[in-house]
């Protein structure tokens, strides 16, 4: 299949983008599950292709100085990570 990705997909949605990020996640989950159902015998299926969710748990704690950091609560090594953020607000 030419549209088969090379690495597992992961998505982080920051702040007020969690609603649209959830919609994107559900659409991808549905599309990939349908693709596997319609394919009689996939020649290649990557680990994590048909996940229940691609959203990654994370935290963004703030320090007393106002500075912050991001803590990703699972390994994202070797994945295609997309960060959905509203950079204007």
PDB file of N, CA and C in Angstrom:
ATOM      1  N   UNK A   1       0.844  -1.178   0.000  1.00  0.00           N
ATOM      2  CA  UNK A   1       0.000   0.000   0.000  1.00  0.00           C
ATOM      3  C   UNK A   1       0.886   1.237   0.000  1.00  0.00           C
ATOM      4  N   UNK A   2       0.703   2.101  -0.987  1.00  0.00           N
ATOM      5  CA  UNK A   2       1.536   3.285  -1.123  1.00  0.00           C
ATOM      6  C   UNK A   2       1.298   4.304  -0.026  1.00  0.00           C
ATOM      7  N   UNK A   3       0.136   4.275   0.618  1.00  0.00           N
ATOM      8  CA  UNK A   3      -0.164   5.271   1.641  1.00  0.00           C
ATOM      9  C   UNK A   3       0.209   4.800   3.045  1.00  0.00           C
ATOM     10  N   UNK A   4       0.883   3.674   3.169  1.00  0.00           N
ATOM     11  CA  UNK A   4       1.277   3.165   4.479  1.00  0.00           C
ATOM     12  C   UNK A   4       2.399   4.040   5.038  1.00  0.00           C
ATOM     13  N   UNK A   5       2.230   4.570   6.257  1.00  0.00           N
ATOM     14  CA  UNK A   5       3.263   5.432   6.840  1.00  0.00           C
ATOM     15  C   UNK A   5       4.512   4.640   7.218  1.00  0.00           C
ATOM     16  N   UNK A   6       5.606   5.358   7.382  1.00  0.00           N
ATOM     17  CA  UNK A   6       6.869   4.714   7.735  1.00  0.00           C
ATOM     18  C   UNK A   6       7.075   4.601   9.234  1.00  0.00           C
ATOM     19  N   UNK A   7       6.415   5.460  10.019  1.00  0.00           N
ATOM     20  CA  UNK A   7       6.593   5.458  11.476  1.00  0.00           C
ATOM     21  C   UNK A   7       5.230   5.597  12.144  1.00  0.00           C
ATOM     22  N   UNK A   8       5.107   5.134  13.386  1.00  0.00           N
ATOM     23  CA  UNK A   8       3.843   5.294  14.113  1.00  0.00           C
ATOM     24  C   UNK A   8       3.499   6.772  14.306  1.00  0.00           C
ATOM     25  N   UNK A   9       2.221   7.065  14.298  1.00  0.00           N
ATOM     26  CA  UNK A   9       1.717   8.431  14.442  1.00  0.00           C
ATOM     27  C   UNK A   9       1.449   8.753  15.902  1.00  0.00           C
ATOM     28  N   UNK A  10       1.816   9.943  16.335  1.00  0.00           N
ATOM     29  CA  UNK A  10       1.501  10.459  17.668  1.00  0.00           C
ATOM     30  C   UNK A  10       1.067  11.911  17.514  1.00  0.00           C
ATOM     31  N   UNK A  11       0.103  12.331  18.337  1.00  0.00           N
ATOM     32  CA  UNK A  11      -0.427  13.692  18.277  1.00  0.00           C
ATOM     33  C   UNK A  11      -0.446  14.287  19.678  1.00  0.00           C
ATOM     34  N   UNK A  12       0.039  15.515  19.796  1.00  0.00           N
ATOM     35  CA  UNK A  12      -0.082  16.290  21.032  1.00  0.00           C
ATOM     36  C   UNK A  12      -0.933  17.510  20.712  1.00  0.00           C
ATOM     37  N   UNK A  13      -1.977  17.736  21.509  1.00  0.00           N
ATOM     38  CA  UNK A  13      -2.803  18.931  21.340  1.00  0.00           C
ATOM     39  C   UNK A  13      -2.617  19.816  22.562  1.00  0.00           C
ATOM     40  N   UNK A  14      -2.279  21.059  22.315  1.00  0.00           N
ATOM     41  CA  UNK A  14      -1.952  21.981  23.400  1.00  0.00           C
ATOM     42  C   UNK A  14      -3.074  22.999  23.592  1.00  0.00           C
ATOM     43  N   UNK A  15      -3.452  23.195  24.857  1.00  0.00           N
ATOM     44  CA  UNK A  15      -4.390  24.257  25.232  1.00  0.00           C
ATOM     45  C   UNK A  15      -5.753  24.124  24.599  1.00  0.00           C
ATOM     46  N   UNK A  16      -6.183  25.214  23.975  1.00  0.00           N
ATOM     47  CA  UNK A  16      -7.535  25.248  23.422  1.00  0.00           C
ATOM     48  C   UNK A  16      -7.661  24.486  22.107  1.00  0.00           C
ATOM     49  N   UNK A  17      -6.659  23.760  21.702  1.00  0.00           N
ATOM     50  CA  UNK A  17      -6.726  22.943  20.483  1.00  0.00           C
ATOM     51  C   UNK A  17      -7.120  21.503  20.779  1.00  0.00           C
ATOM     52  N   UNK A  18      -7.446  21.200  22.030  1.00  0.00           N
ATOM     53  CA  UNK A  18      -7.755  19.813  22.383  1.00  0.00           C
ATOM     54  C   UNK A  18      -9.033  19.324  21.706  1.00  0.00           C
ATOM     55  N   UNK A  19     -10.001  20.206  21.485  1.00  0.00           N
ATOM     56  CA  UNK A  19     -11.246  19.785  20.833  1.00  0.00           C
ATOM     57  C   UNK A  19     -11.002  19.409  19.371  1.00  0.00           C
ATOM     58  N   UNK A  20     -10.326  20.260  18.631  1.00  0.00           N
ATOM     59  CA  UNK A  20     -10.052  19.941  17.224  1.00  0.00           C
ATOM     60  C   UNK A  20      -9.063  18.781  17.128  1.00  0.00           C
ATOM     61  N   UNK A  21      -8.121  18.696  18.066  1.00  0.00           N
ATOM     62  CA  UNK A  21      -7.189  17.572  18.084  1.00  0.00           C
ATOM     63  C   UNK A  21      -7.900  16.252  18.317  1.00  0.00           C
ATOM     64  N   UNK A  22      -8.919  16.260  19.184  1.00  0.00           N
ATOM     65  CA  UNK A  22      -9.723  15.060  19.419  1.00  0.00           C
ATOM     66  C   UNK A  22     -10.484  14.639  18.176  1.00  0.00           C
ATOM     67  N   UNK A  23     -11.005  15.623  17.438  1.00  0.00           N
ATOM     68  CA  UNK A  23     -11.719  15.314  16.189  1.00  0.00           C
ATOM     69  C   UNK A  23     -10.765  14.715  15.159  1.00  0.00           C
ATOM     70  N   UNK A  24      -9.584  15.298  15.046  1.00  0.00           N
ATOM     71  CA  UNK A  24      -8.579  14.776  14.113  1.00  0.00           C
ATOM     72  C   UNK A  24      -8.207  13.346  14.489  1.00  0.00           C
ATOM     73  N   UNK A  25      -7.998  13.106  15.775  1.00  0.00           N
ATOM     74  CA  UNK A  25      -7.656  11.770  16.266  1.00  0.00           C
ATOM     75  C   UNK A  25      -8.745  10.762  15.907  1.00  0.00           C
ATOM     76  N   UNK A  26     -10.004  11.104  16.178  1.00  0.00           N
ATOM     77  CA  UNK A  26     -11.115  10.179  15.874  1.00  0.00           C
ATOM     78  C   UNK A  26     -11.224   9.898  14.376  1.00  0.00           C
ATOM     79  N   UNK A  27     -11.022  10.923  13.542  1.00  0.00           N
ATOM     80  CA  UNK A  27     -11.083  10.720  12.092  1.00  0.00           C
ATOM     81  C   UNK A  27      -9.972   9.790  11.606  1.00  0.00           C
ATOM     82  N   UNK A  28      -8.777   9.962  12.132  1.00  0.00           N
ATOM     83  CA  UNK A  28      -7.660   9.102  11.723  1.00  0.00           C
ATOM     84  C   UNK A  28      -7.885   7.671  12.194  1.00  0.00           C
ATOM     85  N   UNK A  29      -8.343   7.500  13.441  1.00  0.00           N
ATOM     86  CA  UNK A  29      -8.626   6.156  13.963  1.00  0.00           C
ATOM     87  C   UNK A  29      -9.657   5.468  13.076  1.00  0.00           C
ATOM     88  N   UNK A  30     -10.745   6.164  12.766  1.00  0.00           N
ATOM     89  CA  UNK A  30     -11.814   5.589  11.937  1.00  0.00           C
ATOM     90  C   UNK A  30     -11.311   5.261  10.538  1.00  0.00           C
ATOM     91  N   UNK A  31     -10.567   6.174   9.938  1.00  0.00           N
ATOM     92  CA  UNK A  31     -10.081   5.957   8.575  1.00  0.00           C
ATOM     93  C   UNK A  31      -9.125   4.760   8.503  1.00  0.00           C
ATOM     94  N   UNK A  32      -8.232   4.649   9.479  1.00  0.00           N
ATOM     95  CA  UNK A  32      -7.272   3.542   9.454  1.00  0.00           C
ATOM     96  C   UNK A  32      -7.950   2.202   9.724  1.00  0.00           C
ATOM     97  N   UNK A  33      -8.922   2.170  10.626  1.00  0.00           N
ATOM     98  CA  UNK A  33      -9.640   0.914  10.884  1.00  0.00           C
ATOM     99  C   UNK A  33     -10.432   0.490   9.653  1.00  0.00           C
ATOM    100  N   UNK A  34     -11.070   1.450   8.978  1.00  0.00           N
ATOM    101  CA  UNK A  34     -11.800   1.137   7.747  1.00  0.00           C
ATOM    102  C   UNK A  34     -10.854   0.663   6.651  1.00  0.00           C
ATOM    103  N   UNK A  35      -9.678   1.264   6.564  1.00  0.00           N
ATOM    104  CA  UNK A  35      -8.703   0.859   5.551  1.00  0.00           C
ATOM    105  C   UNK A  35      -8.271  -0.586   5.769  1.00  0.00           C
ATOM    106  N   UNK A  36      -8.087  -0.977   7.029  1.00  0.00           N
ATOM    107  CA  UNK A  36      -7.687  -2.361   7.312  1.00  0.00           C
ATOM    108  C   UNK A  36      -8.826  -3.336   7.047  1.00  0.00           C
ATOM    109  N   UNK A  37     -10.070  -2.908   7.300  1.00  0.00           N
ATOM    110  CA  UNK A  37     -11.214  -3.781   7.031  1.00  0.00           C
ATOM    111  C   UNK A  37     -11.417  -3.992   5.538  1.00  0.00           C
ATOM    112  N   UNK A  38     -11.192  -2.949   4.741  1.00  0.00           N
ATOM    113  CA  UNK A  38     -11.411  -3.028   3.298  1.00  0.00           C
ATOM    114  C   UNK A  38     -10.276  -3.738   2.575  1.00  0.00           C
ATOM    115  N   UNK A  39      -9.124  -3.789   3.185  1.00  0.00           N
ATOM    116  CA  UNK A  39      -7.968  -4.462   2.599  1.00  0.00           C
ATOM    117  C   UNK A  39      -8.107  -5.957   2.876  1.00  0.00           C
ATOM    118  N   UNK A  40      -8.065  -6.784   1.835  1.00  0.00           N
ATOM    119  CA  UNK A  40      -8.236  -8.222   2.050  1.00  0.00           C
ATOM    120  C   UNK A  40      -7.091  -8.805   2.872  1.00  0.00           C
ATOM    121  N   UNK A  41      -5.876  -8.521   2.477  1.00  0.00           N
ATOM    122  CA  UNK A  41      -4.718  -9.023   3.215  1.00  0.00           C
ATOM    123  C   UNK A  41      -3.595  -8.003   3.071  1.00  0.00           C
ATOM    124  N   UNK A  42      -3.432  -7.131   4.074  1.00  0.00           N
ATOM    125  CA  UNK A  42      -2.372  -6.124   3.950  1.00  0.00           C
ATOM    126  C   UNK A  42      -1.000  -6.777   3.863  1.00  0.00           C
ATOM    127  N   UNK A  43      -0.193  -6.311   2.924  1.00  0.00           N
ATOM    128  CA  UNK A  43       1.148  -6.857   2.754  1.00  0.00           C
ATOM    129  C   UNK A  43       2.057  -6.450   3.906  1.00  0.00           C
ATOM    130  N   UNK A  44       1.750  -5.306   4.507  1.00  0.00           N
ATOM    131  CA  UNK A  44       2.604  -4.795   5.575  1.00  0.00           C
ATOM    132  C   UNK A  44       1.736  -3.991   6.533  1.00  0.00           C
ATOM    133  N   UNK A  45       1.837  -4.294   7.813  1.00  0.00           N
ATOM    134  CA  UNK A  45       1.113  -3.505   8.814  1.00  0.00           C
ATOM    135  C   UNK A  45       2.073  -3.138   9.927  1.00  0.00           C
ATOM    136  N   UNK A  46       2.328  -1.868  10.041  1.00  0.00           N
ATOM    137  CA  UNK A  46       3.262  -1.368  11.035  1.00  0.00           C
ATOM    138  C   UNK A  46       2.650  -1.439  12.426  1.00  0.00           C
ATOM    139  N   UNK A  47       3.486  -1.661  13.420  1.00  0.00           N
ATOM    140  CA  UNK A  47       3.045  -1.655  14.812  1.00  0.00           C
ATOM    141  C   UNK A  47       2.489  -0.279  15.167  1.00  0.00           C
ATOM    142  N   UNK A  48       1.314  -0.249  15.781  1.00  0.00           N
ATOM    143  CA  UNK A  48       0.693   1.015  16.165  1.00  0.00           C
ATOM    144  C   UNK A  48      -0.154   1.650  15.091  1.00  0.00           C
ATOM    145  N   UNK A  49      -0.270   0.998  13.924  1.00  0.00           N
ATOM    146  CA  UNK A  49      -1.058   1.585  12.835  1.00  0.00           C
ATOM    147  C   UNK A  49      -2.526   1.690  13.216  1.00  0.00           C
ATOM    148  N   UNK A  50      -3.070   0.653  13.835  1.00  0.00           N
ATOM    149  CA  UNK A  50      -4.498   0.648  14.174  1.00  0.00           C
ATOM    150  C   UNK A  50      -4.697   0.838  15.679  1.00  0.00           C
ATOM    151  N   UNK A  51      -4.258   1.959  16.165  1.00  0.00           N
ATOM    152  CA  UNK A  51      -4.362   2.288  17.584  1.00  0.00           C
ATOM    153  C   UNK A  51      -5.760   2.822  17.909  1.00  0.00           C
ATOM    154  N   UNK A  52      -6.157   2.727  19.181  1.00  0.00           N
ATOM    155  CA  UNK A  52      -7.440   3.293  19.612  1.00  0.00           C
ATOM    156  C   UNK A  52      -7.371   4.806  19.711  1.00  0.00           C
ATOM    157  N   UNK A  53      -6.194   5.344  19.916  1.00  0.00           N
ATOM    158  CA  UNK A  53      -5.975   6.789  19.928  1.00  0.00           C
ATOM    159  C   UNK A  53      -4.515   7.068  19.613  1.00  0.00           C
ATOM    160  N   UNK A  54      -4.271   8.221  19.010  1.00  0.00           N
ATOM    161  CA  UNK A  54      -2.907   8.640  18.699  1.00  0.00           C
ATOM    162  C   UNK A  54      -2.481   9.812  19.582  1.00  0.00           C
ATOM    163  N   UNK A  55      -3.367  10.222  20.495  1.00  0.00           N
ATOM    164  CA  UNK A  55      -3.067  11.328  21.392  1.00  0.00           C
ATOM    165  C   UNK A  55      -2.059  10.895  22.453  1.00  0.00           C
ATOM    166  N   UNK A  56      -1.108  11.753  22.730  1.00  0.00           N
ATOM    167  CA  UNK A  56      -0.046  11.473  23.689  1.00  0.00           C
ATOM    168  C   UNK A  56      -0.328  12.233  24.985  1.00  0.00           C
ATOM    169  N   UNK A  57      -0.287  11.539  26.139  1.00  0.00           N
ATOM    170  CA  UNK A  57      -0.460  12.260  27.407  1.00  0.00           C
ATOM    171  C   UNK A  57       0.778  13.110  27.722  1.00  0.00           C
ATOM    172  N   UNK A  58       0.531  14.329  28.160  1.00  0.00           N
ATOM    173  CA  UNK A  58       1.634  15.234  28.479  1.00  0.00           C
ATOM    174  C   UNK A  58       1.190  16.223  29.554  1.00  0.00           C
ATOM    175  N   UNK A  59       2.154  16.920  30.104  1.00  0.00           N
ATOM    176  CA  UNK A  59       1.887  17.962  31.099  1.00  0.00           C
ATOM    177  C   UNK A  59       2.708  19.192  30.733  1.00  0.00           C
ATOM    178  N   UNK A  60       2.198  20.359  31.055  1.00  0.00           N
ATOM    179  CA  UNK A  60       2.928  21.615  30.850  1.00  0.00           C
ATOM    180  C   UNK A  60       2.959  22.400  32.154  1.00  0.00           C
ATOM    181  N   UNK A  61       3.810  21.990  33.104  1.00  0.00           N
ATOM    182  CA  UNK A  61       3.873  22.718  34.377  1.00  0.00           C
ATOM    183  C   UNK A  61       4.545  24.081  34.214  1.00  0.00           C
ATOM    184  N   UNK A  62       4.148  25.017  35.054  1.00  0.00           N
ATOM    185  CA  UNK A  62       4.737  26.363  35.089  1.00  0.00           C
ATOM    186  C   UNK A  62       5.547  26.529  36.367  1.00  0.00           C
ATOM    187  N   UNK A  63       6.627  27.246  36.245  1.00  0.00           N
ATOM    188  CA  UNK A  63       7.454  27.568  37.402  1.00  0.00           C
ATOM    189  C   UNK A  63       6.999  28.900  37.985  1.00  0.00           C
ATOM    190  N   UNK A  64       7.456  29.219  39.175  1.00  0.00           N
ATOM    191  CA  UNK A  64       7.098  30.472  39.824  1.00  0.00           C
ATOM    192  C   UNK A  64       7.519  31.694  39.029  1.00  0.00           C
ATOM    193  N   UNK A  65       8.519  31.544  38.174  1.00  0.00           N
ATOM    194  CA  UNK A  65       9.005  32.658  37.351  1.00  0.00           C
ATOM    195  C   UNK A  65       8.130  32.896  36.129  1.00  0.00           C
ATOM    196  N   UNK A  66       7.161  32.004  35.892  1.00  0.00           N
ATOM    197  CA  UNK A  66       6.317  32.117  34.704  1.00  0.00           C
ATOM    198  C   UNK A  66       6.791  31.247  33.558  1.00  0.00           C
ATOM    199  N   UNK A  67       8.005  30.740  33.662  1.00  0.00           N
ATOM    200  CA  UNK A  67       8.512  29.850  32.621  1.00  0.00           C
ATOM    201  C   UNK A  67       7.817  28.501  32.726  1.00  0.00           C
ATOM    202  N   UNK A  68       7.766  27.795  31.630  1.00  0.00           N
ATOM    203  CA  UNK A  68       7.122  26.491  31.620  1.00  0.00           C
ATOM    204  C   UNK A  68       7.988  25.460  30.935  1.00  0.00           C
ATOM    205  N   UNK A  69       7.556  24.229  31.031  1.00  0.00           N
ATOM    206  CA  UNK A  69       8.234  23.143  30.329  1.00  0.00           C
ATOM    207  C   UNK A  69       7.178  22.122  29.932  1.00  0.00           C
ATOM    208  N   UNK A  70       7.521  21.289  28.980  1.00  0.00           N
ATOM    209  CA  UNK A  70       6.623  20.220  28.553  1.00  0.00           C
ATOM    210  C   UNK A  70       7.205  18.886  29.002  1.00  0.00           C
ATOM    211  N   UNK A  71       6.355  18.045  29.575  1.00  0.00           N
ATOM    212  CA  UNK A  71       6.753  16.708  29.994  1.00  0.00           C
ATOM    213  C   UNK A  71       5.875  15.724  29.232  1.00  0.00           C
ATOM    214  N   UNK A  72       6.489  14.938  28.357  1.00  0.00           N
ATOM    215  CA  UNK A  72       5.760  13.940  27.578  1.00  0.00           C
ATOM    216  C   UNK A  72       5.813  12.635  28.356  1.00  0.00           C
ATOM    217  N   UNK A  73       4.642  12.065  28.645  1.00  0.00           N
ATOM    218  CA  UNK A  73       4.539  10.933  29.570  1.00  0.00           C
ATOM    219  C   UNK A  73       4.669   9.557  28.920  1.00  0.00           C
ATOM    220  N   UNK A  74       5.111   9.499  27.686  1.00  0.00           N
ATOM    221  CA  UNK A  74       5.407   8.217  27.047  1.00  0.00           C
ATOM    222  C   UNK A  74       6.481   8.453  26.002  1.00  0.00           C
ATOM    223  N   UNK A  75       7.128   7.396  25.595  1.00  0.00           N
ATOM    224  CA  UNK A  75       8.199   7.523  24.616  1.00  0.00           C
ATOM    225  C   UNK A  75       7.628   7.896  23.250  1.00  0.00           C
ATOM    226  N   UNK A  76       8.275   8.842  22.601  1.00  0.00           N
ATOM    227  CA  UNK A  76       7.880   9.215  21.242  1.00  0.00           C
ATOM    228  C   UNK A  76       9.024   8.956  20.263  1.00  0.00           C
ATOM    229  N   UNK A  77      10.035   8.262  20.734  1.00  0.00           N
ATOM    230  CA  UNK A  77      11.183   7.939  19.880  1.00  0.00           C
ATOM    231  C   UNK A  77      10.725   7.106  18.685  1.00  0.00           C
ATOM    232  N   UNK A  78      11.160   7.500  17.513  1.00  0.00           N
ATOM    233  CA  UNK A  78      10.850   6.755  16.301  1.00  0.00           C
ATOM    234  C   UNK A  78       9.437   6.948  15.783  1.00  0.00           C
ATOM    235  N   UNK A  79       8.740   7.988  16.251  1.00  0.00           N
ATOM    236  CA  UNK A  79       7.373   8.239  15.795  1.00  0.00           C
ATOM    237  C   UNK A  79       7.318   9.506  14.955  1.00  0.00           C
ATOM    238  N   UNK A  80       6.241   9.650  14.217  1.00  0.00           N
ATOM    239  CA  UNK A  80       5.932  10.918  13.559  1.00  0.00           C
ATOM    240  C   UNK A  80       5.044  11.686  14.518  1.00  0.00           C
ATOM    241  N   UNK A  81       5.594  12.699  15.172  1.00  0.00           N
ATOM    242  CA  UNK A  81       4.871  13.468  16.177  1.00  0.00           C
ATOM    243  C   UNK A  81       4.367  14.765  15.568  1.00  0.00           C
ATOM    244  N   UNK A  82       3.065  15.004  15.706  1.00  0.00           N
ATOM    245  CA  UNK A  82       2.452  16.249  15.267  1.00  0.00           C
ATOM    246  C   UNK A  82       1.953  16.988  16.497  1.00  0.00           C
ATOM    247  N   UNK A  83       2.332  18.254  16.624  1.00  0.00           N
ATOM    248  CA  UNK A  83       1.898  19.087  17.741  1.00  0.00           C
ATOM    249  C   UNK A  83       0.903  20.100  17.196  1.00  0.00           C
ATOM    250  N   UNK A  84      -0.320  20.051  17.724  1.00  0.00           N
ATOM    251  CA  UNK A  84      -1.369  20.970  17.289  1.00  0.00           C
ATOM    252  C   UNK A  84      -1.494  22.046  18.356  1.00  0.00           C
ATOM    253  N   UNK A  85      -1.173  23.285  17.979  1.00  0.00           N
ATOM    254  CA  UNK A  85      -1.171  24.382  18.942  1.00  0.00           C
ATOM    255  C   UNK A  85      -1.689  25.654  18.288  1.00  0.00           C
ATOM    256  N   UNK A  86      -2.345  26.471  19.079  1.00  0.00           N
ATOM    257  CA  UNK A  86      -2.774  27.794  18.647  1.00  0.00           C
ATOM    258  C   UNK A  86      -1.667  28.757  19.041  1.00  0.00           C
ATOM    259  N   UNK A  87      -0.851  29.152  18.085  1.00  0.00           N
ATOM    260  CA  UNK A  87       0.311  29.974  18.410  1.00  0.00           C
ATOM    261  C   UNK A  87      -0.037  31.451  18.569  1.00  0.00           C
ATOM    262  N   UNK A  88      -1.264  31.833  18.239  1.00  0.00           N
ATOM    263  CA  UNK A  88      -1.666  33.231  18.338  1.00  0.00           C
ATOM    264  C   UNK A  88      -2.162  33.566  19.737  1.00  0.00           C
ATOM    265  N   UNK A  89      -2.861  32.643  20.387  1.00  0.00           N
ATOM    266  CA  UNK A  89      -3.425  32.916  21.721  1.00  0.00           C
ATOM    267  C   UNK A  89      -2.514  32.415  22.806  1.00  0.00           C
TER     268      UNK A  89
END
